[in-house]
Amino acid sequence: MILASSERIEAVRAAADAVTPDVLELTALISAVPSPTGEETAKSLLVERLFATAGLTTERDAIGDVVGVIPGRPPSRASSSRLVVAAHIDTVFPIGTPLEVRRSAERLSGPGVGDNSVAVAAAIKLADLLRIAGEVPAVDVLLTGNVGEEGLGNLRGIREVLAARSDIGAVVALEGHNLGRVTHVAVGSRRFRITVKGPGGHSWGDFGRPNAIHGLSKLVAELDAIPLPRSPKTTLNVGMISGGVSVNTIAPEASCLLDLRSIDESALRRLSDRVTRLVDRSNRGDAVIYKAESIGERPAGVVAADSPIVQIAASTLTALGLEPSFDASSTDANVPIAAGIPAVCIGLTTGGNVHRTDEFINLEPVSKGVTQLALLTLALAESLFARAL
């Protein structure tokens, strides 16, 4: 394992202190640009411009992912795998949401400041931080502002970034909140839209005809009765339900959105298959049609807790006086983990109210989070150059 010297830690810490005011200024700037999942163009163009201003060679792909390159030391460039540092640019807030960002002595607050504007800002300033600290990574570092991480984005941004490159040796996904965490278990998911359609009619005059809402309700009860394993943890949730015309109409259509999750790909596949079989069996030829449509899929996977990338991430936190915590979550790291590429997700500061318009981050820990990012980047680059990952 490649650990930082005390001299490197202090140099990087001082550089992080120097760039943190710019990180916070950029966080506010980035947060003020709308970027709901699937509508990230304005923020994608902003991030492209900011990467270029930072002096990085920059590419923007067809779906809006932006990639800026911090060059590695010249001997490594033709022979070594590259490191990806991924920060997603999409948010959960629809177009039209007021994006006012407010700053106090202790906090920055506003929609998306922590998820994920501060992470994007830290990625943009990473090149300046390393330059101030007098450091050059051992291999090329690819910084991304990628799309499609939230909701039904299906991780399409990080999928495209990795699919377009065959030389990625490791990935660090960045999230603004949860400084101290090392996410090395990818929670996979399958999302379905289940639709029930029937003939409809008048609640009195056509009484006896099948009702789509009644049929969907019975199906949801059957879904709820599916036994789920505690280990590996596997979950089922109906998150939204809609349908019907009026109180005195036999509903001609009803639908629900179903979320299945597990940390084990096999368990997730078995549950998904059971759900689709249950939906198919509900079609009994009684003029009601049941259909399950896949609307999202995220792969599951695990990077072993004793693997080099997890241990380097943990040791970096320990060196900064932080107690690492290890967890499972659904992040951009899911895609590389499932593909067998060493990956973790880390947080950059503390805060709260995630996915709310009053979301906030605490200012004081940001410098430490940015220090963590730089030290982890340097250590992983050296490990890739030494082929130790």
Protein backbone atom coordinates (compact mmCIF):
# COMPACT_ATOMS: atom_id res chain seq x y z
CA MET A 1 0.00 0.00 0.00
CA ILE A 2 1.32 3.44 -0.95
CA LEU A 3 0.92 5.88 1.94
CA ALA A 4 1.57 9.63 1.99
CA SER A 5 4.56 11.04 3.81
CA SER A 6 3.99 13.67 6.46
CA GLU A 7 5.60 16.22 4.13
CA ARG A 8 3.13 15.41 1.34
CA ILE A 9 0.20 15.55 3.73
CA GLU A 10 1.17 18.99 4.97
CA ALA A 11 1.82 20.33 1.46
CA VAL A 12 -1.51 19.03 0.21
CA ARG A 13 -3.31 20.30 3.29
CA ALA A 14 -1.90 23.81 2.76
CA ALA A 15 -2.86 23.71 -0.93
CA ALA A 16 -6.37 22.57 -0.01
CA ASP A 17 -6.71 25.50 2.36
CA ALA A 18 -5.65 27.79 -0.49
CA VAL A 19 -8.21 26.51 -3.01
CA THR A 20 -11.16 25.95 -0.65
CA PRO A 21 -12.50 29.54 -1.00
CA ASP A 22 -12.62 28.97 -4.77
CA VAL A 23 -14.29 25.57 -4.26
CA LEU A 24 -17.04 27.24 -2.24
CA GLU A 25 -17.47 30.04 -4.77
CA LEU A 26 -17.75 27.49 -7.58
CA THR A 27 -20.21 25.45 -5.53
CA ALA A 28 -22.58 28.41 -5.41
CA LEU A 29 -22.09 29.11 -9.12
CA ILE A 30 -22.73 25.50 -10.13
CA SER A 31 -25.75 25.16 -7.84
CA ALA A 32 -27.41 28.15 -9.50
CA VAL A 33 -27.63 26.36 -12.88
CA PRO A 34 -30.59 23.97 -13.28
CA SER A 35 -29.69 20.37 -14.18
CA PRO A 36 -32.48 17.89 -13.49
CA THR A 37 -31.67 14.38 -14.67
CA GLY A 38 -32.07 14.29 -18.44
CA GLU A 39 -31.84 18.09 -18.77
CA GLU A 40 -28.22 18.74 -17.84
CA THR A 41 -27.11 20.68 -20.94
CA ALA A 42 -26.71 24.10 -19.31
CA LYS A 43 -24.64 22.75 -16.45
CA SER A 44 -22.66 20.48 -18.78
CA LEU A 45 -21.61 23.52 -20.83
CA LEU A 46 -20.70 25.42 -17.66
CA VAL A 47 -18.53 22.57 -16.38
CA GLU A 48 -16.84 22.26 -19.78
CA ARG A 49 -16.00 25.96 -19.64
CA LEU A 50 -14.70 25.69 -16.05
CA PHE A 51 -12.51 22.68 -16.87
CA ALA A 52 -11.04 24.58 -19.82
CA THR A 53 -10.46 27.65 -17.62
CA ALA A 54 -8.55 25.38 -15.24
CA GLY A 55 -6.19 24.58 -18.11
CA LEU A 56 -7.40 21.02 -18.68
CA THR A 57 -7.72 19.26 -22.00
CA THR A 58 -11.49 18.81 -22.11
CA GLU A 59 -13.97 16.61 -23.99
CA ARG A 60 -17.77 16.67 -23.98
CA ASP A 61 -19.61 13.63 -25.30
CA ALA A 62 -22.96 13.30 -27.05
CA ILE A 63 -24.99 12.85 -23.86
CA GLY A 64 -23.34 15.73 -21.99
CA ASP A 65 -20.58 14.09 -19.95
CA VAL A 66 -17.58 16.38 -19.57
CA VAL A 67 -14.09 14.91 -19.06
CA GLY A 68 -11.02 16.96 -18.17
CA VAL A 69 -7.57 15.42 -18.03
CA ILE A 70 -4.81 16.06 -15.47
CA PRO A 71 -1.73 14.62 -17.22
CA GLY A 72 0.34 12.08 -15.35
CA ARG A 73 4.11 11.94 -15.25
CA PRO A 74 5.37 11.46 -18.84
CA PRO A 75 6.90 7.94 -18.48
CA SER A 76 3.55 6.56 -17.37
CA ARG A 77 1.32 7.90 -20.07
CA ALA A 78 1.69 5.19 -22.68
CA SER A 79 1.85 2.20 -20.39
CA SER A 80 -0.40 2.65 -17.38
CA SER A 81 -4.10 2.57 -16.62
CA ARG A 82 -5.79 5.87 -15.89
CA LEU A 83 -7.74 7.00 -12.83
CA VAL A 84 -11.26 8.44 -13.07
CA VAL A 85 -12.55 10.91 -10.48
CA ALA A 86 -16.29 11.13 -11.15
CA ALA A 87 -18.68 13.86 -9.96
CA HIS A 88 -22.23 13.81 -11.30
CA ILE A 89 -23.79 17.09 -12.39
CA ASP A 90 -27.50 16.19 -12.36
CA THR A 91 -29.87 17.00 -9.50
CA VAL A 92 -33.34 15.91 -8.39
CA PHE A 93 -34.86 19.39 -8.75
CA PRO A 94 -37.13 20.06 -11.76
CA ILE A 95 -36.78 23.04 -14.07
CA GLY A 96 -38.43 26.03 -12.43
CA THR A 97 -37.22 25.25 -8.91
CA PRO A 98 -35.82 28.45 -7.33
CA LEU A 99 -32.07 27.87 -6.99
CA GLU A 100 -31.15 30.50 -4.45
CA VAL A 101 -27.90 29.73 -2.62
CA ARG A 102 -27.39 31.26 0.80
CA ARG A 103 -24.20 31.46 2.84
CA SER A 104 -23.74 31.98 6.55
CA ALA A 105 -20.61 31.81 8.68
CA GLU A 106 -20.99 28.06 9.02
CA ARG A 107 -23.09 26.81 6.09
CA LEU A 108 -23.82 27.00 2.41
CA SER A 109 -27.43 26.12 1.68
CA GLY A 110 -29.61 25.68 -1.36
CA PRO A 111 -30.85 23.02 -3.77
CA GLY A 112 -28.04 20.70 -4.81
CA VAL A 113 -25.17 22.36 -2.95
CA GLY A 114 -24.08 19.05 -1.43
CA ASP A 115 -25.57 16.67 -3.98
CA ASN A 116 -23.54 17.31 -5.94
CA SER A 117 -22.24 20.83 -6.62
CA VAL A 118 -19.45 20.88 -4.06
CA ALA A 119 -18.10 17.61 -5.47
CA VAL A 120 -18.09 19.04 -9.01
CA ALA A 121 -16.36 22.16 -7.72
CA ALA A 122 -13.71 20.11 -5.92
CA ALA A 123 -13.03 18.12 -9.10
CA ILE A 124 -12.59 21.35 -11.06
CA LYS A 125 -10.10 22.74 -8.54
CA LEU A 126 -8.12 19.50 -8.12
CA ALA A 127 -5.59 20.42 -10.81
CA ASP A 128 -4.87 23.78 -9.16
CA LEU A 129 -4.54 22.09 -5.76
CA LEU A 130 -1.96 19.60 -7.05
CA ARG A 131 -0.02 22.36 -8.81
CA ILE A 132 0.13 24.46 -5.64
CA ALA A 133 1.28 21.42 -3.66
CA GLY A 134 3.99 20.69 -6.23
CA GLU A 135 2.51 17.30 -7.09
CA VAL A 136 2.05 15.52 -10.42
CA PRO A 137 0.01 12.30 -10.40
CA ALA A 138 1.82 9.18 -11.53
CA VAL A 139 -0.81 8.45 -14.20
CA ASP A 140 -3.42 10.49 -16.06
CA VAL A 141 -6.40 11.50 -13.93
CA LEU A 142 -9.71 11.92 -15.74
CA LEU A 143 -12.08 14.31 -14.00
CA THR A 144 -15.74 13.99 -14.95
CA GLY A 145 -18.82 16.09 -14.66
CA ASN A 146 -21.14 13.27 -15.70
CA VAL A 147 -24.88 13.11 -16.28
CA GLY A 148 -27.61 10.70 -15.27
CA GLU A 149 -26.74 9.65 -11.73
CA GLU A 150 -29.96 10.56 -9.96
CA GLY A 151 -33.37 8.89 -10.10
CA LEU A 152 -34.09 7.19 -13.40
CA GLY A 153 -30.85 8.42 -14.97
CA ASN A 154 -29.72 4.79 -14.80
CA LEU A 155 -26.07 5.87 -14.25
CA ARG A 156 -25.92 6.49 -17.97
CA GLY A 157 -23.19 9.12 -17.67
CA ILE A 158 -20.57 7.01 -15.91
CA ARG A 159 -21.56 4.07 -18.12
CA GLU A 160 -20.72 6.13 -21.21
CA VAL A 161 -17.47 7.46 -19.75
CA LEU A 162 -16.22 3.94 -19.03
CA ALA A 163 -17.58 2.37 -22.23
CA ALA A 164 -15.65 4.91 -24.31
CA ARG A 165 -12.32 4.07 -22.64
CA SER A 166 -10.59 0.71 -22.25
CA ASP A 167 -7.71 1.85 -20.04
CA ILE A 168 -9.49 2.80 -16.80
CA GLY A 169 -7.76 1.17 -13.84
CA ALA A 170 -9.73 2.64 -10.92
CA VAL A 171 -12.61 5.02 -10.18
CA VAL A 172 -13.33 7.38 -7.29
CA ALA A 173 -16.92 8.63 -7.25
CA LEU A 174 -17.42 11.93 -5.43
CA GLU A 175 -20.44 12.96 -3.38
CA GLY A 176 -20.69 16.17 -1.41
CA HIS A 177 -22.02 14.76 1.86
CA ASN A 178 -20.81 12.06 4.26
CA LEU A 179 -17.15 12.96 4.78
CA GLY A 180 -15.50 9.91 6.31
CA ARG A 181 -17.43 7.26 4.43
CA VAL A 182 -15.88 4.76 2.06
CA THR A 183 -18.61 3.19 -0.06
CA HIS A 184 -17.32 -0.10 -1.43
CA VAL A 185 -20.58 -2.05 -1.71
CA ALA A 186 -22.81 -1.16 -4.66
CA VAL A 187 -26.54 -1.40 -3.98
CA GLY A 188 -28.07 -2.54 -7.25
CA SER A 189 -31.63 -1.82 -8.32
CA ARG A 190 -34.30 -2.74 -10.82
CA ARG A 191 -37.16 -0.30 -11.43
CA PHE A 192 -40.45 -1.19 -13.09
CA ARG A 193 -43.56 0.63 -14.18
CA ILE A 194 -46.45 -1.82 -13.71
CA THR A 195 -49.58 -0.93 -15.67
CA VAL A 196 -53.04 -2.45 -15.44
CA LYS A 197 -55.64 -1.70 -18.13
CA GLY A 198 -59.31 -2.68 -18.25
CA PRO A 199 -62.56 -1.75 -20.01
CA GLY A 200 -63.67 0.96 -17.56
CA GLY A 201 -67.27 2.09 -17.22
CA HIS A 202 -69.82 3.61 -14.88
CA SER A 203 -69.54 2.63 -11.23
CA TRP A 204 -73.31 1.88 -11.05
CA GLY A 205 -74.47 1.05 -14.52
CA ASP A 206 -71.44 -1.11 -15.39
CA PHE A 207 -70.88 -2.56 -11.96
CA GLY A 208 -69.22 -5.95 -12.21
CA ARG A 209 -66.69 -4.98 -14.85
CA PRO A 210 -63.07 -5.40 -13.68
CA ASN A 211 -61.53 -2.30 -12.14
CA ALA A 212 -57.85 -1.56 -12.97
CA ILE A 213 -57.25 0.02 -9.56
CA HIS A 214 -58.72 -3.01 -7.78
CA GLY A 215 -56.54 -5.29 -9.90
CA LEU A 216 -53.40 -3.26 -9.25
CA SER A 217 -54.16 -3.17 -5.52
CA LYS A 218 -54.41 -6.95 -5.38
CA LEU A 219 -51.12 -7.24 -7.28
CA VAL A 220 -49.38 -4.82 -4.91
CA ALA A 221 -50.58 -6.93 -1.97
CA GLU A 222 -49.06 -10.01 -3.64
CA LEU A 223 -45.80 -8.15 -4.24
CA ASP A 224 -45.74 -7.10 -0.60
CA ALA A 225 -46.11 -10.74 0.45
CA ILE A 226 -42.95 -11.88 -1.39
CA PRO A 227 -40.45 -13.12 1.22
CA LEU A 228 -37.19 -11.16 1.04
CA PRO A 229 -33.79 -12.27 2.33
CA ARG A 230 -32.23 -10.30 5.16
CA SER A 231 -28.79 -11.39 3.98
CA PRO A 232 -27.93 -10.29 1.40
CA LYS A 233 -30.17 -7.34 2.19
CA THR A 234 -32.87 -7.13 -0.49
CA THR A 235 -35.81 -4.72 -0.60
CA LEU A 236 -39.04 -4.08 -2.51
CA ASN A 237 -40.91 -0.78 -2.53
CA VAL A 238 -43.91 0.62 -4.39
CA GLY A 239 -42.98 4.29 -4.46
CA MET A 240 -45.75 5.82 -6.58
CA ILE A 241 -49.23 4.80 -7.64
CA SER A 242 -51.69 6.52 -9.98
CA GLY A 243 -54.82 5.87 -12.01
CA GLY A 244 -58.54 6.27 -12.36
CA VAL A 245 -60.81 8.93 -13.86
CA SER A 246 -63.32 9.94 -11.19
CA VAL A 247 -64.92 8.68 -8.01
CA ASN A 248 -67.84 7.19 -9.93
CA THR A 249 -65.87 5.61 -12.78
CA ILE A 250 -64.63 2.02 -12.94
CA ALA A 251 -60.93 2.75 -13.42
CA PRO A 252 -59.77 1.84 -16.95
CA GLU A 253 -56.09 2.17 -16.05
CA ALA A 254 -53.79 2.22 -13.02
CA SER A 255 -50.03 2.05 -12.62
CA CYS A 256 -47.33 1.99 -10.00
CA LEU A 257 -43.57 2.45 -9.87
CA LEU A 258 -41.69 -0.40 -8.22
CA ASP A 259 -38.15 -0.27 -6.83
CA LEU A 260 -36.20 -3.48 -6.12
CA ARG A 261 -32.78 -3.31 -4.44
CA SER A 262 -30.06 -5.65 -3.26
CA ILE A 263 -26.33 -5.70 -2.63
CA ASP A 264 -26.20 -9.06 -4.45
CA GLU A 265 -26.75 -9.24 -8.21
CA SER A 266 -28.06 -12.82 -8.09
CA ALA A 267 -30.61 -12.00 -5.37
CA LEU A 268 -31.71 -8.96 -7.33
CA ARG A 269 -32.15 -10.99 -10.50
CA ARG A 270 -34.18 -13.64 -8.70
CA LEU A 271 -36.50 -11.04 -7.19
CA SER A 272 -36.86 -9.27 -10.52
CA ASP A 273 -37.76 -12.54 -12.24
CA ARG A 274 -40.30 -13.34 -9.54
CA VAL A 275 -41.97 -9.95 -9.98
CA THR A 276 -42.25 -10.29 -13.75
CA ARG A 277 -43.64 -13.83 -13.43
CA LEU A 278 -46.23 -12.62 -10.94
CA VAL A 279 -47.29 -9.85 -13.30
CA ASP A 280 -47.49 -12.26 -16.24
CA ARG A 281 -49.61 -14.72 -14.23
CA SER A 282 -52.06 -11.92 -13.45
CA ASN A 283 -53.13 -11.93 -17.11
CA ARG A 284 -56.06 -14.35 -16.88
CA GLY A 285 -57.98 -13.39 -20.01
CA ASP A 286 -60.64 -11.38 -18.13
CA ALA A 287 -60.31 -8.19 -20.22
CA VAL A 288 -57.67 -6.79 -17.87
CA ILE A 289 -54.09 -6.52 -19.11
CA TYR A 290 -51.11 -6.45 -16.73
CA LYS A 291 -47.73 -5.26 -17.96
CA ALA A 292 -44.34 -4.73 -16.28
CA GLU A 293 -42.02 -2.31 -18.07
CA SER A 294 -38.37 -1.98 -17.03
CA ILE A 295 -37.52 1.70 -16.49
CA GLY A 296 -34.15 1.46 -14.76
CA GLU A 297 -31.33 -0.85 -13.80
CA ARG A 298 -28.27 -0.35 -11.62
CA PRO A 299 -25.78 -3.17 -11.12
CA ALA A 300 -24.81 -4.51 -7.71
CA GLY A 301 -21.37 -5.57 -6.57
CA VAL A 302 -18.74 -5.53 -3.83
CA VAL A 303 -15.14 -4.44 -3.59
CA ALA A 304 -13.61 -6.43 -0.73
CA ALA A 305 -13.00 -4.43 2.42
CA ASP A 306 -9.38 -5.61 2.49
CA SER A 307 -8.72 -4.63 -1.14
CA PRO A 308 -5.99 -2.05 -1.84
CA ILE A 309 -8.36 0.71 -3.00
CA VAL A 310 -10.56 0.45 0.11
CA GLN A 311 -7.59 0.30 2.43
CA ILE A 312 -5.91 3.29 0.76
CA ALA A 313 -9.13 5.30 1.06
CA ALA A 314 -9.44 4.33 4.74
CA SER A 315 -5.78 5.09 5.48
CA THR A 316 -6.12 8.52 3.86
CA LEU A 317 -8.96 9.38 6.22
CA THR A 318 -7.06 8.05 9.22
CA ALA A 319 -4.04 10.17 8.29
CA LEU A 320 -6.30 13.24 8.44
CA GLY A 321 -7.67 12.32 11.86
CA LEU A 322 -10.97 10.97 10.58
CA GLU A 323 -12.54 7.62 11.48
CA PRO A 324 -13.47 5.84 8.25
CA SER A 325 -16.88 4.21 7.97
CA PHE A 326 -17.66 1.56 5.38
CA ASP A 327 -21.05 1.41 3.73
CA ALA A 328 -23.27 0.27 0.90
CA SER A 329 -25.00 2.73 -1.40
CA SER A 330 -26.11 3.38 -4.96
CA THR A 331 -23.62 5.75 -6.63
CA ASP A 332 -21.60 6.19 -9.80
CA ALA A 333 -19.22 3.60 -8.32
CA ASN A 334 -21.81 0.87 -9.02
CA VAL A 335 -20.85 0.66 -12.68
CA PRO A 336 -17.09 0.13 -12.30
CA ILE A 337 -17.57 -2.17 -9.30
CA ALA A 338 -19.91 -4.41 -11.31
CA ALA A 339 -17.40 -4.39 -14.18
CA GLY A 340 -14.56 -5.53 -11.92
CA ILE A 341 -12.81 -2.14 -11.86
CA PRO A 342 -11.60 -1.13 -8.37
CA ALA A 343 -13.83 1.71 -7.20
CA VAL A 344 -15.06 3.53 -4.12
CA CYS A 345 -17.28 6.50 -3.41
CA ILE A 346 -16.18 9.14 -0.90
CA GLY A 347 -17.80 12.20 0.66
CA LEU A 348 -16.28 15.68 0.90
CA THR A 349 -18.00 17.40 3.83
CA THR A 350 -20.87 17.11 6.27
CA GLY A 351 -24.34 18.56 5.93
CA GLY A 352 -27.98 17.59 5.70
CA ASN A 353 -31.44 17.84 4.11
CA VAL A 354 -30.29 15.99 1.00
CA HIS A 355 -32.74 16.22 -1.94
CA ARG A 356 -34.58 19.12 -0.29
CA THR A 357 -34.54 22.75 -1.34
CA ASP A 358 -33.02 23.63 2.06
CA GLU A 359 -30.12 21.24 1.60
CA PHE A 360 -26.90 22.46 3.22
CA ILE A 361 -23.21 21.72 3.62
CA ASN A 362 -20.98 22.69 6.52
CA LEU A 363 -18.08 24.89 5.46
CA GLU A 364 -15.42 24.01 8.02
CA PRO A 365 -14.85 20.37 6.91
CA VAL A 366 -14.57 21.19 3.18
CA SER A 367 -10.83 21.78 3.25
CA LYS A 368 -10.28 18.44 4.94
CA GLY A 369 -12.51 16.72 2.38
CA VAL A 370 -10.60 18.31 -0.50
CA THR A 371 -7.31 17.27 1.14
CA GLN A 372 -8.64 13.72 1.31
CA LEU A 373 -9.52 13.82 -2.40
CA ALA A 374 -6.05 15.00 -3.43
CA LEU A 375 -4.17 12.52 -1.26
CA LEU A 376 -6.36 9.64 -2.41
CA THR A 377 -5.91 10.66 -6.05
CA LEU A 378 -2.12 10.72 -5.71
CA ALA A 379 -1.98 7.39 -3.85
CA LEU A 380 -4.24 5.59 -6.31
CA ALA A 381 -2.33 7.01 -9.29
CA GLU A 382 0.91 5.69 -7.83
CA SER A 383 -0.69 2.31 -7.18
CA LEU A 384 -1.89 2.13 -10.78
CA PHE A 385 1.58 3.05 -12.04
CA ALA A 386 3.03 0.31 -9.84
CA ARG A 387 0.17 -2.00 -10.94
CA ALA A 388 -0.70 -2.56 -7.28
CA LEU A 389 -4.49 -2.23 -7.68
